[in-house]
ModelCIF file with pLDDT and N, C-alpha, C, O atoms, coordinates in Angstrom:
data_MODEL
#
_entry.id   MODEL 
#
_entity.id                         1 
_entity.type                       polymer 
_entity.pdbx_number_of_molecules   1 
#
_entity_poly.entity_id                      1 
_entity_poly.type                           'polypeptide(L)' 
_entity_poly.nstd_linkage                   no 
_entity_poly.nstd_monomer                   no 
_entity_poly.pdbx_seq_one_letter_code       MHDWFKIGLGNMYGLSAIFDGQNGFYKPRFPPPVMVGNGQPERASY 
_entity_poly.pdbx_seq_one_letter_code_can   MHDWFKIGLGNMYGLSAIFDGQNGFYKPRFPPPVMVGNGQPERASY 
_entity_poly.pdbx_strand_id                 A 
#
loop_
_entity_poly_seq.entity_id 
_entity_poly_seq.num 
_entity_poly_seq.mon_id 
_entity_poly_seq.hetero 
1 1  MET n 
1 2  HIS n 
1 3  ASP n 
1 4  TRP n 
1 5  PHE n 
1 6  LYS n 
1 7  ILE n 
1 8  GLY n 
1 9  LEU n 
1 10 GLY n 
1 11 ASN n 
1 12 MET n 
1 13 TYR n 
1 14 GLY n 
1 15 LEU n 
1 16 SER n 
1 17 ALA n 
1 18 ILE n 
1 19 PHE n 
1 20 ASP n 
1 21 GLY n 
1 22 GLN n 
1 23 ASN n 
1 24 GLY n 
1 25 PHE n 
1 26 TYR n 
1 27 LYS n 
1 28 PRO n 
1 29 ARG n 
1 30 PHE n 
1 31 PRO n 
1 32 PRO n 
1 33 PRO n 
1 34 VAL n 
1 35 MET n 
1 36 VAL n 
1 37 GLY n 
1 38 ASN n 
1 39 GLY n 
1 40 GLN n 
1 41 PRO n 
1 42 GLU n 
1 43 ARG n 
1 44 ALA n 
1 45 SER n 
1 46 TYR n 
#
_struct_asym.id          A 
_struct_asym.entity_id   1 
#
loop_
_ma_qa_metric.id 
_ma_qa_metric.mode 
_ma_qa_metric.name 
_ma_qa_metric.software_group_id 
_ma_qa_metric.type 
1 global pLDDT . pLDDT 
2 local  pLDDT . pLDDT 
#
_ma_qa_metric_global.metric_id      1 
_ma_qa_metric_global.metric_value   89.09 
_ma_qa_metric_global.model_id       1 
_ma_qa_metric_global.ordinal_id     1 
#
loop_
_ma_qa_metric_local.label_asym_id 
_ma_qa_metric_local.label_comp_id 
_ma_qa_metric_local.label_seq_id 
_ma_qa_metric_local.metric_id 
_ma_qa_metric_local.metric_value 
_ma_qa_metric_local.model_id 
_ma_qa_metric_local.ordinal_id 
A MET 1  2 84.00 1 1  
A HIS 2  2 83.00 1 2  
A ASP 3  2 85.00 1 3  
A TRP 4  2 84.00 1 4  
A PHE 5  2 86.00 1 5  
A LYS 6  2 89.00 1 6  
A ILE 7  2 87.00 1 7  
A GLY 8  2 88.00 1 8  
A LEU 9  2 88.00 1 9  
A GLY 10 2 89.00 1 10 
A ASN 11 2 90.00 1 11 
A MET 12 2 91.00 1 12 
A TYR 13 2 91.00 1 13 
A GLY 14 2 92.00 1 14 
A LEU 15 2 92.00 1 15 
A SER 16 2 93.00 1 16 
A ALA 17 2 94.00 1 17 
A ILE 18 2 94.00 1 18 
A PHE 19 2 93.00 1 19 
A ASP 20 2 93.00 1 20 
A GLY 21 2 95.00 1 21 
A GLN 22 2 96.00 1 22 
A ASN 23 2 95.00 1 23 
A GLY 24 2 96.00 1 24 
A PHE 25 2 97.00 1 25 
A TYR 26 2 97.00 1 26 
A LYS 27 2 96.00 1 27 
A PRO 28 2 95.00 1 28 
A ARG 29 2 93.00 1 29 
A PHE 30 2 88.00 1 30 
A PRO 31 2 85.00 1 31 
A PRO 32 2 84.00 1 32 
A PRO 33 2 85.00 1 33 
A VAL 34 2 77.00 1 34 
A MET 35 2 79.00 1 35 
A VAL 36 2 71.00 1 36 
A GLY 37 2 74.00 1 37 
A ASN 38 2 77.00 1 38 
A GLY 39 2 81.00 1 39 
A GLN 40 2 89.00 1 40 
A PRO 41 2 93.00 1 41 
A GLU 42 2 92.00 1 42 
A ARG 43 2 92.00 1 43 
A ALA 44 2 93.00 1 44 
A SER 45 2 96.00 1 45 
A TYR 46 2 96.00 1 46 
#
loop_
_atom_site.group_PDB 
_atom_site.id 
_atom_site.type_symbol 
_atom_site.label_atom_id 
_atom_site.label_alt_id 
_atom_site.label_comp_id 
_atom_site.label_asym_id 
_atom_site.label_entity_id 
_atom_site.label_seq_id 
_atom_site.pdbx_PDB_ins_code 
_atom_site.Cartn_x 
_atom_site.Cartn_y 
_atom_site.Cartn_z 
_atom_site.occupancy 
_atom_site.B_iso_or_equiv 
_atom_site.pdbx_formal_charge 
_atom_site.auth_seq_id 
_atom_site.auth_comp_id 
_atom_site.auth_asym_id 
_atom_site.auth_atom_id 
_atom_site.pdbx_PDB_model_num 
ATOM 1   N N  . MET A 1 1  ? 20.522  1.394  -1.264 1.00 84.00 ? 1  MET A N  1 
ATOM 2   C CA . MET A 1 1  ? 21.663  2.548  -1.598 1.00 84.00 ? 1  MET A CA 1 
ATOM 3   C C  . MET A 1 1  ? 22.669  2.455  -0.407 1.00 84.00 ? 1  MET A C  1 
ATOM 4   O O  . MET A 1 1  ? 23.849  2.201  -0.649 1.00 84.00 ? 1  MET A O  1 
ATOM 5   N N  . HIS A 1 2  ? 22.236  2.655  0.869  1.00 83.00 ? 2  HIS A N  1 
ATOM 6   C CA . HIS A 1 2  ? 23.166  2.858  1.887  1.00 83.00 ? 2  HIS A CA 1 
ATOM 7   C C  . HIS A 1 2  ? 22.577  2.492  3.365  1.00 83.00 ? 2  HIS A C  1 
ATOM 8   O O  . HIS A 1 2  ? 21.352  2.452  3.486  1.00 83.00 ? 2  HIS A O  1 
ATOM 9   N N  . ASP A 1 3  ? 23.244  2.276  4.271  1.00 85.00 ? 3  ASP A N  1 
ATOM 10  C CA . ASP A 1 3  ? 22.576  2.056  5.685  1.00 85.00 ? 3  ASP A CA 1 
ATOM 11  C C  . ASP A 1 3  ? 22.071  3.287  6.237  1.00 85.00 ? 3  ASP A C  1 
ATOM 12  O O  . ASP A 1 3  ? 21.262  3.228  7.163  1.00 85.00 ? 3  ASP A O  1 
ATOM 13  N N  . TRP A 1 4  ? 22.481  4.477  5.746  1.00 84.00 ? 4  TRP A N  1 
ATOM 14  C CA . TRP A 1 4  ? 22.032  5.729  6.270  1.00 84.00 ? 4  TRP A CA 1 
ATOM 15  C C  . TRP A 1 4  ? 20.484  5.743  5.829  1.00 84.00 ? 4  TRP A C  1 
ATOM 16  O O  . TRP A 1 4  ? 19.617  6.057  6.644  1.00 84.00 ? 4  TRP A O  1 
ATOM 17  N N  . PHE A 1 5  ? 20.211  5.431  4.655  1.00 86.00 ? 5  PHE A N  1 
ATOM 18  C CA . PHE A 1 5  ? 18.863  5.507  4.069  1.00 86.00 ? 5  PHE A CA 1 
ATOM 19  C C  . PHE A 1 5  ? 17.996  4.455  4.678  1.00 86.00 ? 5  PHE A C  1 
ATOM 20  O O  . PHE A 1 5  ? 16.778  4.624  4.720  1.00 86.00 ? 5  PHE A O  1 
ATOM 21  N N  . LYS A 1 6  ? 18.661  3.185  5.237  1.00 89.00 ? 6  LYS A N  1 
ATOM 22  C CA . LYS A 1 6  ? 17.851  2.103  5.750  1.00 89.00 ? 6  LYS A CA 1 
ATOM 23  C C  . LYS A 1 6  ? 17.464  2.859  7.177  1.00 89.00 ? 6  LYS A C  1 
ATOM 24  O O  . LYS A 1 6  ? 16.297  2.832  7.569  1.00 89.00 ? 6  LYS A O  1 
ATOM 25  N N  . ILE A 1 7  ? 18.453  3.505  7.899  1.00 87.00 ? 7  ILE A N  1 
ATOM 26  C CA . ILE A 1 7  ? 17.975  3.956  9.252  1.00 87.00 ? 7  ILE A CA 1 
ATOM 27  C C  . ILE A 1 7  ? 17.034  5.229  9.239  1.00 87.00 ? 7  ILE A C  1 
ATOM 28  O O  . ILE A 1 7  ? 16.301  5.526  10.181 1.00 87.00 ? 7  ILE A O  1 
ATOM 29  N N  . GLY A 1 8  ? 17.141  5.946  8.061  1.00 88.00 ? 8  GLY A N  1 
ATOM 30  C CA . GLY A 1 8  ? 15.969  7.057  7.866  1.00 88.00 ? 8  GLY A CA 1 
ATOM 31  C C  . GLY A 1 8  ? 14.682  6.460  7.722  1.00 88.00 ? 8  GLY A C  1 
ATOM 32  O O  . GLY A 1 8  ? 13.690  6.777  8.378  1.00 88.00 ? 8  GLY A O  1 
ATOM 33  N N  . LEU A 1 9  ? 14.748  5.399  6.651  1.00 88.00 ? 9  LEU A N  1 
ATOM 34  C CA . LEU A 1 9  ? 13.460  4.756  6.506  1.00 88.00 ? 9  LEU A CA 1 
ATOM 35  C C  . LEU A 1 9  ? 12.680  3.983  7.645  1.00 88.00 ? 9  LEU A C  1 
ATOM 36  O O  . LEU A 1 9  ? 11.457  3.865  7.726  1.00 88.00 ? 9  LEU A O  1 
ATOM 37  N N  . GLY A 1 10 ? 13.711  3.443  8.572  1.00 89.00 ? 10 GLY A N  1 
ATOM 38  C CA . GLY A 1 10 ? 13.288  2.889  9.665  1.00 89.00 ? 10 GLY A CA 1 
ATOM 39  C C  . GLY A 1 10 ? 12.700  3.838  10.709 1.00 89.00 ? 10 GLY A C  1 
ATOM 40  O O  . GLY A 1 10 ? 11.680  3.606  11.358 1.00 89.00 ? 10 GLY A O  1 
ATOM 41  N N  . ASN A 1 11 ? 13.364  4.794  10.783 1.00 90.00 ? 11 ASN A N  1 
ATOM 42  C CA . ASN A 1 11 ? 12.832  5.899  11.886 1.00 90.00 ? 11 ASN A CA 1 
ATOM 43  C C  . ASN A 1 11 ? 11.538  6.454  11.331 1.00 90.00 ? 11 ASN A C  1 
ATOM 44  O O  . ASN A 1 11 ? 10.636  6.713  12.128 1.00 90.00 ? 11 ASN A O  1 
ATOM 45  N N  . MET A 1 12 ? 11.371  6.653  10.078 1.00 91.00 ? 12 MET A N  1 
ATOM 46  C CA . MET A 1 12 ? 10.179  7.237  9.327  1.00 91.00 ? 12 MET A CA 1 
ATOM 47  C C  . MET A 1 12 ? 8.989   6.159  9.525  1.00 91.00 ? 12 MET A C  1 
ATOM 48  O O  . MET A 1 12 ? 7.932   6.547  10.023 1.00 91.00 ? 12 MET A O  1 
ATOM 49  N N  . TYR A 1 13 ? 9.122   5.065  9.213  1.00 91.00 ? 13 TYR A N  1 
ATOM 50  C CA . TYR A 1 13 ? 8.207   4.066  9.542  1.00 91.00 ? 13 TYR A CA 1 
ATOM 51  C C  . TYR A 1 13 ? 7.825   3.719  10.925 1.00 91.00 ? 13 TYR A C  1 
ATOM 52  O O  . TYR A 1 13 ? 6.718   3.276  11.231 1.00 91.00 ? 13 TYR A O  1 
ATOM 53  N N  . GLY A 1 14 ? 8.946   3.978  11.875 1.00 92.00 ? 14 GLY A N  1 
ATOM 54  C CA . GLY A 1 14 ? 8.635   3.693  13.216 1.00 92.00 ? 14 GLY A CA 1 
ATOM 55  C C  . GLY A 1 14 ? 7.667   4.812  13.791 1.00 92.00 ? 14 GLY A C  1 
ATOM 56  O O  . GLY A 1 14 ? 6.739   4.541  14.552 1.00 92.00 ? 14 GLY A O  1 
ATOM 57  N N  . LEU A 1 15 ? 7.943   5.986  13.396 1.00 92.00 ? 15 LEU A N  1 
ATOM 58  C CA . LEU A 1 15 ? 7.026   7.192  13.729 1.00 92.00 ? 15 LEU A CA 1 
ATOM 59  C C  . LEU A 1 15 ? 5.585   6.921  13.160 1.00 92.00 ? 15 LEU A C  1 
ATOM 60  O O  . LEU A 1 15 ? 4.551   7.260  13.736 1.00 92.00 ? 15 LEU A O  1 
ATOM 61  N N  . SER A 1 16 ? 5.645   6.339  12.089 1.00 93.00 ? 16 SER A N  1 
ATOM 62  C CA . SER A 1 16 ? 4.254   6.279  11.349 1.00 93.00 ? 16 SER A CA 1 
ATOM 63  C C  . SER A 1 16 ? 3.544   5.274  12.135 1.00 93.00 ? 16 SER A C  1 
ATOM 64  O O  . SER A 1 16 ? 2.380   5.507  12.461 1.00 93.00 ? 16 SER A O  1 
ATOM 65  N N  . ALA A 1 17 ? 4.152   4.101  12.502 1.00 94.00 ? 17 ALA A N  1 
ATOM 66  C CA . ALA A 1 17 ? 3.526   3.122  13.249 1.00 94.00 ? 17 ALA A CA 1 
ATOM 67  C C  . ALA A 1 17 ? 2.922   3.563  14.688 1.00 94.00 ? 17 ALA A C  1 
ATOM 68  O O  . ALA A 1 17 ? 1.925   3.044  15.190 1.00 94.00 ? 17 ALA A O  1 
ATOM 69  N N  . ILE A 1 18 ? 3.651   4.555  15.240 1.00 94.00 ? 18 ILE A N  1 
ATOM 70  C CA . ILE A 1 18 ? 3.247   5.130  16.583 1.00 94.00 ? 18 ILE A CA 1 
ATOM 71  C C  . ILE A 1 18 ? 1.969   6.115  16.302 1.00 94.00 ? 18 ILE A C  1 
ATOM 72  O O  . ILE A 1 18 ? 0.931   5.967  16.948 1.00 94.00 ? 18 ILE A O  1 
ATOM 73  N N  . PHE A 1 19 ? 2.096   7.075  15.354 1.00 93.00 ? 19 PHE A N  1 
ATOM 74  C CA . PHE A 1 19 ? 1.124   8.068  15.299 1.00 93.00 ? 19 PHE A CA 1 
ATOM 75  C C  . PHE A 1 19 ? -0.063  7.806  14.295 1.00 93.00 ? 19 PHE A C  1 
ATOM 76  O O  . PHE A 1 19 ? -1.084  8.493  14.307 1.00 93.00 ? 19 PHE A O  1 
ATOM 77  N N  . ASP A 1 20 ? 0.149   6.772  13.436 1.00 93.00 ? 20 ASP A N  1 
ATOM 78  C CA . ASP A 1 20 ? -0.633  6.453  12.334 1.00 93.00 ? 20 ASP A CA 1 
ATOM 79  C C  . ASP A 1 20 ? -1.344  5.212  12.526 1.00 93.00 ? 20 ASP A C  1 
ATOM 80  O O  . ASP A 1 20 ? -2.546  5.118  12.277 1.00 93.00 ? 20 ASP A O  1 
ATOM 81  N N  . GLY A 1 21 ? -0.604  4.203  12.985 1.00 95.00 ? 21 GLY A N  1 
ATOM 82  C CA . GLY A 1 21 ? -0.919  2.851  13.114 1.00 95.00 ? 21 GLY A CA 1 
ATOM 83  C C  . GLY A 1 21 ? -0.613  1.821  11.671 1.00 95.00 ? 21 GLY A C  1 
ATOM 84  O O  . GLY A 1 21 ? 0.085   2.246  10.751 1.00 95.00 ? 21 GLY A O  1 
ATOM 85  N N  . GLN A 1 22 ? -1.108  0.729  11.648 1.00 96.00 ? 22 GLN A N  1 
ATOM 86  C CA . GLN A 1 22 ? -0.684  -0.035 10.397 1.00 96.00 ? 22 GLN A CA 1 
ATOM 87  C C  . GLN A 1 22 ? -2.048  -0.473 9.778  1.00 96.00 ? 22 GLN A C  1 
ATOM 88  O O  . GLN A 1 22 ? -3.015  -0.812 10.460 1.00 96.00 ? 22 GLN A O  1 
ATOM 89  N N  . ASN A 1 23 ? -2.027  -0.432 8.465  1.00 95.00 ? 23 ASN A N  1 
ATOM 90  C CA . ASN A 1 23 ? -3.301  -1.014 7.786  1.00 95.00 ? 23 ASN A CA 1 
ATOM 91  C C  . ASN A 1 23 ? -3.769  -2.441 7.931  1.00 95.00 ? 23 ASN A C  1 
ATOM 92  O O  . ASN A 1 23 ? -3.072  -3.438 7.743  1.00 95.00 ? 23 ASN A O  1 
ATOM 93  N N  . GLY A 1 24 ? -4.976  -2.414 8.272  1.00 96.00 ? 24 GLY A N  1 
ATOM 94  C CA . GLY A 1 24 ? -5.439  -3.860 8.664  1.00 96.00 ? 24 GLY A CA 1 
ATOM 95  C C  . GLY A 1 24 ? -4.980  -4.333 10.014 1.00 96.00 ? 24 GLY A C  1 
ATOM 96  O O  . GLY A 1 24 ? -5.190  -5.526 10.233 1.00 96.00 ? 24 GLY A O  1 
ATOM 97  N N  . PHE A 1 25 ? -4.398  -3.641 10.961 1.00 97.00 ? 25 PHE A N  1 
ATOM 98  C CA . PHE A 1 25 ? -3.873  -4.251 12.075 1.00 97.00 ? 25 PHE A CA 1 
ATOM 99  C C  . PHE A 1 25 ? -4.433  -3.305 13.223 1.00 97.00 ? 25 PHE A C  1 
ATOM 100 O O  . PHE A 1 25 ? -5.345  -3.690 13.954 1.00 97.00 ? 25 PHE A O  1 
ATOM 101 N N  . TYR A 1 26 ? -3.813  -1.978 13.359 1.00 97.00 ? 26 TYR A N  1 
ATOM 102 C CA . TYR A 1 26 ? -4.100  -1.223 14.368 1.00 97.00 ? 26 TYR A CA 1 
ATOM 103 C C  . TYR A 1 26 ? -4.242  0.176  14.116 1.00 97.00 ? 26 TYR A C  1 
ATOM 104 O O  . TYR A 1 26 ? -3.699  0.610  13.100 1.00 97.00 ? 26 TYR A O  1 
ATOM 105 N N  . LYS A 1 27 ? -4.939  1.044  14.933 1.00 96.00 ? 27 LYS A N  1 
ATOM 106 C CA . LYS A 1 27 ? -4.836  2.422  14.787 1.00 96.00 ? 27 LYS A CA 1 
ATOM 107 C C  . LYS A 1 27 ? -4.940  3.126  16.047 1.00 96.00 ? 27 LYS A C  1 
ATOM 108 O O  . LYS A 1 27 ? -5.456  2.498  16.972 1.00 96.00 ? 27 LYS A O  1 
ATOM 109 N N  . PRO A 1 28 ? -4.513  4.419  16.281 1.00 95.00 ? 28 PRO A N  1 
ATOM 110 C CA . PRO A 1 28 ? -4.619  5.063  17.499 1.00 95.00 ? 28 PRO A CA 1 
ATOM 111 C C  . PRO A 1 28 ? -6.009  5.156  17.903 1.00 95.00 ? 28 PRO A C  1 
ATOM 112 O O  . PRO A 1 28 ? -6.938  5.115  17.096 1.00 95.00 ? 28 PRO A O  1 
ATOM 113 N N  . ARG A 1 29 ? -6.155  5.289  19.234 1.00 93.00 ? 29 ARG A N  1 
ATOM 114 C CA . ARG A 1 29 ? -7.668  5.413  19.675 1.00 93.00 ? 29 ARG A CA 1 
ATOM 115 C C  . ARG A 1 29 ? -7.933  6.837  19.817 1.00 93.00 ? 29 ARG A C  1 
ATOM 116 O O  . ARG A 1 29 ? -7.153  7.634  20.338 1.00 93.00 ? 29 ARG A O  1 
ATOM 117 N N  . PHE A 1 30 ? -9.025  7.103  19.349 1.00 88.00 ? 30 PHE A N  1 
ATOM 118 C CA . PHE A 1 30 ? -9.461  8.616  19.650 1.00 88.00 ? 30 PHE A CA 1 
ATOM 119 C C  . PHE A 1 30 ? -11.058 8.504  20.068 1.00 88.00 ? 30 PHE A C  1 
ATOM 120 O O  . PHE A 1 30 ? -11.848 7.895  19.347 1.00 88.00 ? 30 PHE A O  1 
ATOM 121 N N  . PRO A 1 31 ? -11.401 9.049  21.111 1.00 85.00 ? 31 PRO A N  1 
ATOM 122 C CA . PRO A 1 31 ? -10.481 9.675  22.039 1.00 85.00 ? 31 PRO A CA 1 
ATOM 123 C C  . PRO A 1 31 ? -9.533  8.870  22.763 1.00 85.00 ? 31 PRO A C  1 
ATOM 124 O O  . PRO A 1 31 ? -9.815  7.672  22.789 1.00 85.00 ? 31 PRO A O  1 
ATOM 125 N N  . PRO A 1 32 ? -8.370  9.257  23.419 1.00 84.00 ? 32 PRO A N  1 
ATOM 126 C CA . PRO A 1 32 ? -7.445  8.475  23.730 1.00 84.00 ? 32 PRO A CA 1 
ATOM 127 C C  . PRO A 1 32 ? -8.067  7.680  25.219 1.00 84.00 ? 32 PRO A C  1 
ATOM 128 O O  . PRO A 1 32 ? -9.043  8.120  25.826 1.00 84.00 ? 32 PRO A O  1 
ATOM 129 N N  . PRO A 1 33 ? -7.341  6.522  25.618 1.00 85.00 ? 33 PRO A N  1 
ATOM 130 C CA . PRO A 1 33 ? -8.003  5.952  26.703 1.00 85.00 ? 33 PRO A CA 1 
ATOM 131 C C  . PRO A 1 33 ? -7.853  6.666  28.062 1.00 85.00 ? 33 PRO A C  1 
ATOM 132 O O  . PRO A 1 33 ? -6.918  7.448  28.235 1.00 85.00 ? 33 PRO A O  1 
ATOM 133 N N  . VAL A 1 34 ? -8.730  6.418  29.003 1.00 77.00 ? 34 VAL A N  1 
ATOM 134 C CA . VAL A 1 34 ? -8.633  7.020  30.248 1.00 77.00 ? 34 VAL A CA 1 
ATOM 135 C C  . VAL A 1 34 ? -7.546  6.645  31.166 1.00 77.00 ? 34 VAL A C  1 
ATOM 136 O O  . VAL A 1 34 ? -7.406  5.443  31.391 1.00 77.00 ? 34 VAL A O  1 
ATOM 137 N N  . MET A 1 35 ? -6.746  7.496  31.738 1.00 79.00 ? 35 MET A N  1 
ATOM 138 C CA . MET A 1 35 ? -5.622  7.029  32.481 1.00 79.00 ? 35 MET A CA 1 
ATOM 139 C C  . MET A 1 35 ? -5.851  6.640  33.836 1.00 79.00 ? 35 MET A C  1 
ATOM 140 O O  . MET A 1 35 ? -5.132  5.832  34.426 1.00 79.00 ? 35 MET A O  1 
ATOM 141 N N  . VAL A 1 36 ? -6.968  7.277  34.397 1.00 71.00 ? 36 VAL A N  1 
ATOM 142 C CA . VAL A 1 36 ? -7.476  6.888  35.746 1.00 71.00 ? 36 VAL A CA 1 
ATOM 143 C C  . VAL A 1 36 ? -8.906  6.706  35.897 1.00 71.00 ? 36 VAL A C  1 
ATOM 144 O O  . VAL A 1 36 ? -9.546  7.206  34.972 1.00 71.00 ? 36 VAL A O  1 
ATOM 145 N N  . GLY A 1 37 ? -9.645  6.088  36.870 1.00 74.00 ? 37 GLY A N  1 
ATOM 146 C CA . GLY A 1 37 ? -10.894 6.048  36.968 1.00 74.00 ? 37 GLY A CA 1 
ATOM 147 C C  . GLY A 1 37 ? -11.403 4.781  36.188 1.00 74.00 ? 37 GLY A C  1 
ATOM 148 O O  . GLY A 1 37 ? -10.647 3.915  35.746 1.00 74.00 ? 37 GLY A O  1 
ATOM 149 N N  . ASN A 1 38 ? -12.672 4.773  36.078 1.00 77.00 ? 38 ASN A N  1 
ATOM 150 C CA . ASN A 1 38 ? -13.171 3.412  35.519 1.00 77.00 ? 38 ASN A CA 1 
ATOM 151 C C  . ASN A 1 38 ? -13.554 3.571  33.896 1.00 77.00 ? 38 ASN A C  1 
ATOM 152 O O  . ASN A 1 38 ? -14.251 4.480  33.444 1.00 77.00 ? 38 ASN A O  1 
ATOM 153 N N  . GLY A 1 39 ? -12.997 2.579  33.183 1.00 81.00 ? 39 GLY A N  1 
ATOM 154 C CA . GLY A 1 39 ? -13.269 2.529  31.980 1.00 81.00 ? 39 GLY A CA 1 
ATOM 155 C C  . GLY A 1 39 ? -13.636 1.107  31.443 1.00 81.00 ? 39 GLY A C  1 
ATOM 156 O O  . GLY A 1 39 ? -14.095 0.292  32.244 1.00 81.00 ? 39 GLY A O  1 
ATOM 157 N N  . GLN A 1 40 ? -13.456 0.752  30.096 1.00 89.00 ? 40 GLN A N  1 
ATOM 158 C CA . GLN A 1 40 ? -13.936 -0.652 29.700 1.00 89.00 ? 40 GLN A CA 1 
ATOM 159 C C  . GLN A 1 40 ? -12.532 -1.265 29.308 1.00 89.00 ? 40 GLN A C  1 
ATOM 160 O O  . GLN A 1 40 ? -11.693 -0.642 28.658 1.00 89.00 ? 40 GLN A O  1 
ATOM 161 N N  . PRO A 1 41 ? -12.361 -2.641 29.804 1.00 93.00 ? 41 PRO A N  1 
ATOM 162 C CA . PRO A 1 41 ? -11.148 -3.518 29.377 1.00 93.00 ? 41 PRO A CA 1 
ATOM 163 C C  . PRO A 1 41 ? -10.849 -3.336 27.835 1.00 93.00 ? 41 PRO A C  1 
ATOM 164 O O  . PRO A 1 41 ? -9.705  -3.169 27.414 1.00 93.00 ? 41 PRO A O  1 
ATOM 165 N N  . GLU A 1 42 ? -12.078 -3.386 26.949 1.00 92.00 ? 42 GLU A N  1 
ATOM 166 C CA . GLU A 1 42 ? -11.778 -3.305 25.609 1.00 92.00 ? 42 GLU A CA 1 
ATOM 167 C C  . GLU A 1 42 ? -11.044 -2.053 25.078 1.00 92.00 ? 42 GLU A C  1 
ATOM 168 O O  . GLU A 1 42 ? -10.389 -2.010 24.036 1.00 92.00 ? 42 GLU A O  1 
ATOM 169 N N  . ARG A 1 43 ? -11.244 -1.069 25.926 1.00 92.00 ? 43 ARG A N  1 
ATOM 170 C CA . ARG A 1 43 ? -10.568 0.300  25.528 1.00 92.00 ? 43 ARG A CA 1 
ATOM 171 C C  . ARG A 1 43 ? -9.285  0.726  26.303 1.00 92.00 ? 43 ARG A C  1 
ATOM 172 O O  . ARG A 1 43 ? -8.793  1.849  26.189 1.00 92.00 ? 43 ARG A O  1 
ATOM 173 N N  . ALA A 1 44 ? -8.793  -0.231 27.078 1.00 93.00 ? 44 ALA A N  1 
ATOM 174 C CA . ALA A 1 44 ? -7.767  0.101  28.061 1.00 93.00 ? 44 ALA A CA 1 
ATOM 175 C C  . ALA A 1 44 ? -6.511  -0.118 27.327 1.00 93.00 ? 44 ALA A C  1 
ATOM 176 O O  . ALA A 1 44 ? -5.680  -0.934 27.726 1.00 93.00 ? 44 ALA A O  1 
ATOM 177 N N  . SER A 1 45 ? -6.346  0.615  26.226 1.00 96.00 ? 45 SER A N  1 
ATOM 178 C CA . SER A 1 45 ? -4.875  0.484  25.273 1.00 96.00 ? 45 SER A CA 1 
ATOM 179 C C  . SER A 1 45 ? -4.869  1.800  24.578 1.00 96.00 ? 45 SER A C  1 
ATOM 180 O O  . SER A 1 45 ? -5.802  2.597  24.475 1.00 96.00 ? 45 SER A O  1 
ATOM 181 N N  . TYR A 1 46 ? -3.562  1.897  24.083 1.00 96.00 ? 46 TYR A N  1 
ATOM 182 C CA . TYR A 1 46 ? -3.486  3.066  23.266 1.00 96.00 ? 46 TYR A CA 1 
ATOM 183 C C  . TYR A 1 46 ? -3.953  2.916  21.704 1.00 96.00 ? 46 TYR A C  1 
ATOM 184 O O  . TYR A 1 46 ? -3.910  3.888  20.950 1.00 96.00 ? 46 TYR A O  1 
#
C-alpha cells in the first residue's frame, strides 16, 4: 500500500526478532547469559 506501512512492518518484525527470535533459527536465552565470571562458551550469547 505505502512505504509507511513497510516501515511499520519492518519495525514490528525487527522488535519481534529481538524479543522473540525466528522460527527454526534462534531464540532468546533464558536465563540470560552471565555478563561476568565464568560460564560456558556455548552459552556466551544472547
